[in-house]
Protein backbone atom coordinates (compact mmCIF):
# COMPACT_ATOMS: atom_id res chain seq x y z
CA MET A 1 12.48 -17.56 13.30
CA SER A 2 9.45 -18.93 15.68
CA ALA A 3 7.58 -16.81 18.57
CA GLU A 4 9.44 -18.39 21.05
CA ASP A 5 12.55 -17.36 20.05
CA VAL A 6 11.66 -14.05 19.37
CA LEU A 7 10.25 -13.86 22.97
CA ALA A 8 13.39 -15.56 24.32
CA GLU A 9 15.39 -12.42 22.94
CA VAL A 10 13.11 -9.78 24.50
CA GLY A 11 14.65 -9.91 27.85
CA PRO A 12 18.33 -9.49 26.71
CA ARG A 13 17.21 -6.49 24.78
CA LEU A 14 15.43 -4.75 27.50
CA ARG A 15 18.47 -4.86 29.68
CA ARG A 16 20.72 -3.93 26.78
CA ILE A 17 18.41 -0.86 26.05
CA ARG A 18 17.93 0.14 29.78
CA LYS A 19 21.71 -0.36 30.46
CA GLU A 20 22.63 2.19 27.30
CA ARG A 21 20.31 4.53 28.81
CA GLU A 22 21.78 4.40 32.38
CA VAL A 23 18.95 3.88 34.07
CA THR A 24 18.05 1.75 37.07
CA LEU A 25 15.32 -0.83 37.62
CA ALA A 26 14.29 1.27 40.50
CA ALA A 27 14.03 4.28 38.14
CA LEU A 28 12.43 2.47 35.24
CA SER A 29 10.09 1.01 37.88
CA GLU A 30 9.09 4.58 39.04
CA ALA A 31 8.56 5.48 35.39
CA THR A 32 6.33 2.34 34.28
CA GLY A 33 4.53 1.59 37.71
CA ILE A 34 5.95 -1.91 37.11
CA SER A 35 7.66 -3.50 40.21
CA VAL A 36 11.33 -4.00 40.14
CA SER A 37 10.96 -7.91 40.60
CA THR A 38 8.83 -7.75 37.45
CA LEU A 39 11.57 -5.89 35.71
CA SER A 40 14.04 -8.06 36.71
CA ARG A 41 12.27 -11.35 35.85
CA LEU A 42 11.41 -9.64 32.33
CA GLU A 43 15.00 -9.04 31.75
CA SER A 44 16.40 -12.27 32.66
CA GLY A 45 13.59 -14.10 30.91
CA LEU A 46 11.86 -15.90 34.02
CA ARG A 47 8.56 -13.49 33.11
CA ARG A 48 7.02 -13.82 29.85
CA PRO A 49 6.51 -10.44 27.95
CA SER A 50 3.16 -9.14 27.53
CA LEU A 51 1.58 -5.86 25.87
CA GLU A 52 0.93 -4.83 29.06
CA LEU A 53 4.62 -4.84 30.22
CA LEU A 54 6.30 -3.55 27.25
CA LEU A 55 4.11 -0.42 26.57
CA PRO A 56 4.93 1.42 29.57
CA ILE A 57 8.78 0.34 28.96
CA ALA A 58 8.61 1.31 25.39
CA GLN A 59 7.23 4.69 26.61
CA ALA A 60 9.72 5.51 29.45
CA HIS A 61 12.57 4.91 26.87
CA GLN A 62 10.84 6.49 24.39
CA VAL A 63 11.53 3.93 21.80
CA PRO A 64 8.87 2.02 19.39
CA LEU A 65 7.36 -1.09 20.91
CA ASP A 66 9.19 -2.81 17.91
CA GLU A 67 12.57 -1.95 18.91
CA LEU A 68 11.79 -3.86 22.24
CA VAL A 69 10.36 -7.28 20.36
CA GLY A 70 12.91 -7.08 17.71
CA ALA A 71 10.47 -6.87 14.96
CA PRO A 72 12.07 -8.30 11.63
CA PRO A 73 12.84 -5.38 9.37
CA VAL A 74 10.37 -4.77 6.61
CA ALA A 75 11.25 -6.09 3.26
CA ASP A 76 11.80 -3.61 0.37
CA PRO A 77 8.38 -2.05 -0.78
CA ARG A 78 9.22 -1.32 -4.31
CA VAL A 79 7.60 -3.14 -6.61
CA ARG A 80 10.16 -3.94 -9.75
CA ALA A 81 7.92 -5.91 -12.23
CA LYS A 82 8.81 -5.68 -15.76
CA PRO A 83 6.42 -3.99 -18.40
CA LEU A 84 4.36 -5.92 -20.51
CA VAL A 85 3.81 -4.96 -24.25
CA ARG A 86 0.16 -5.70 -25.20
CA HIS A 87 -1.42 -4.50 -28.44
CA GLY A 88 1.19 -1.58 -28.68
CA ARG A 89 0.30 -0.48 -25.06
CA THR A 90 2.84 -0.60 -22.59
CA PHE A 91 1.93 -2.08 -18.95
CA TRP A 92 3.88 -1.40 -15.68
CA PRO A 93 2.60 -3.77 -13.06
CA LEU A 94 2.32 -1.72 -9.42
CA THR A 95 1.27 -4.49 -7.53
CA ARG A 96 3.04 -7.81 -6.58
CA GLN A 97 0.39 -10.33 -5.65
CA PRO A 98 -2.02 -11.78 -7.92
CA GLY A 99 -5.51 -11.59 -7.26
CA GLY A 100 -7.48 -8.91 -5.64
CA LEU A 101 -6.74 -5.40 -6.12
CA GLN A 102 -4.39 -4.48 -9.28
CA ALA A 103 -2.70 -1.54 -10.32
CA PHE A 104 -1.20 -0.93 -13.66
CA LYS A 105 0.37 2.81 -15.12
CA VAL A 106 -0.51 2.51 -18.64
CA LEU A 107 1.13 4.32 -21.54
CA VAL A 108 -0.97 4.23 -25.05
CA PRO A 109 0.94 5.58 -27.98
CA VAL A 110 -0.64 8.11 -30.19
CA GLY A 111 -2.80 6.44 -32.50
CA VAL A 112 -6.77 6.52 -33.88
CA GLU A 113 -8.03 2.94 -33.10
CA GLU A 114 -11.54 2.06 -33.60
CA PRO A 115 -13.06 1.41 -30.31
CA GLU A 116 -13.99 -2.17 -29.50
CA PRO A 117 -15.98 -2.03 -26.10
CA ARG A 118 -15.53 -5.33 -23.97
CA THR A 119 -16.92 -6.73 -20.93
CA HIS A 120 -15.55 -8.71 -17.57
CA GLU A 121 -16.27 -9.19 -14.03
CA GLY A 122 -15.00 -6.22 -11.79
CA TYR A 123 -14.61 -2.70 -10.88
CA GLU A 124 -12.03 -0.20 -12.66
CA TRP A 125 -10.70 3.09 -11.53
CA LEU A 126 -8.83 5.18 -14.02
CA TYR A 127 -6.38 8.31 -13.19
CA VAL A 128 -4.82 10.13 -16.05
CA LEU A 129 -1.22 11.37 -15.65
CA SER A 130 -0.51 12.89 -19.21
CA GLY A 131 -2.13 13.39 -22.03
CA ARG A 132 -5.91 12.81 -22.97
CA LEU A 133 -7.60 9.30 -22.46
CA ARG A 134 -10.57 8.52 -24.71
CA MET A 135 -13.26 6.57 -22.70
CA VAL A 136 -16.42 4.81 -24.32
CA ILE A 137 -18.47 3.17 -21.37
CA GLY A 138 -21.73 2.21 -22.43
CA GLU A 139 -23.59 4.75 -24.53
CA HIS A 140 -20.78 7.49 -23.15
CA ASP A 141 -18.23 8.74 -25.44
CA VAL A 142 -15.71 11.05 -23.02
CA VAL A 143 -12.29 12.30 -22.90
CA LEU A 144 -10.42 12.53 -19.73
CA ALA A 145 -7.45 15.12 -19.60
CA ALA A 146 -4.49 14.78 -16.83
CA GLY A 147 -5.84 14.81 -13.52
CA GLU A 148 -9.03 13.75 -14.21
CA ALA A 149 -10.14 10.09 -13.10
CA ALA A 150 -12.96 8.12 -13.86
CA GLU A 151 -14.78 4.76 -12.20
CA PHE A 152 -16.82 2.14 -13.83
CA ASP A 153 -18.23 -1.36 -13.28
CA THR A 154 -16.45 -3.40 -15.95
CA ARG A 155 -19.71 -5.59 -16.71
CA VAL A 156 -20.96 -2.26 -18.98
CA PRO A 157 -19.04 -2.63 -22.25
CA HIS A 158 -15.93 -0.08 -22.32
CA TRP A 159 -12.95 0.80 -24.12
CA PHE A 160 -10.28 3.38 -23.66
CA GLY A 161 -7.44 4.59 -25.91
CA SER A 162 -5.70 7.67 -27.49
CA THR A 163 -7.30 10.34 -28.87
CA GLY A 164 -5.17 10.52 -31.65
CA GLU A 165 -3.42 13.92 -30.47
CA GLY A 166 -0.64 12.36 -28.58
CA PRO A 167 0.06 9.35 -26.33
CA VAL A 168 -1.72 8.62 -23.20
CA GLU A 169 -0.31 8.06 -19.66
CA PHE A 170 -2.88 6.95 -16.83
CA LEU A 171 -3.03 4.79 -13.72
CA SER A 172 -5.35 1.76 -13.88
CA LEU A 173 -6.71 0.29 -10.37
CA PHE A 174 -8.79 -3.02 -11.03
CA GLY A 175 -10.42 -4.91 -8.52
CA PRO A 176 -13.46 -7.33 -8.08
CA GLN A 177 -15.22 -5.05 -5.69
CA GLY A 178 -14.21 -2.18 -3.46
CA GLU A 179 -15.28 1.41 -2.50
CA ARG A 180 -16.13 3.66 -5.40
CA MET A 181 -14.36 7.08 -5.41
CA HIS A 182 -16.69 10.06 -6.82
CA VAL A 183 -14.82 11.69 -9.76
CA ARG A 184 -16.09 14.27 -13.07
CA ALA A 185 -15.75 13.23 -16.09
CA ARG A 186 -16.10 15.87 -19.30
CA PRO A 187 -18.31 15.06 -21.96
CA ARG A 188 -16.11 14.63 -25.24
CA GLY A 189 -15.86 18.12 -27.12
CA LYS A 190 -16.44 20.17 -23.78
CA ALA A 191 -13.34 21.81 -22.31
């Protein structure tokens, strides 16, 4: 639907809402400070709607502005991507658009792996949902428990996986850049 089509529907919608509420043009004029003739021209489509006119009308009718302009409904926001399994780990994509910030829920099964740190462009944030996550970042070897988070520049050699005590589930946010969130990570072996 074009912008012209949307604007053409505003007048009839304004009239319908006003009549449903049993409000006269004079009463609406008094409530909004907009002249009766301007309100009449808006409803008949002879006056182009503007934000300056629609805001007071929406307030007078106590309706959201998008009800007056007939904004399209918001698409279903749920992400229904299929999980991916790589190297025994399961990744659930939590974002739909490629590029930019990417979010994943990751499940690493119980097991002991030899860390193989890697590097790439970007920045990553991790939040442990359950289990314990072993992270090797540069010279640091730490364990994050459920409820803990970490952030790091992915140009620093890094690796993460299970501690061998059980599976670990965590959220991963990866992006080319972004705001840093400040978190605490306990050194490995300290509780």
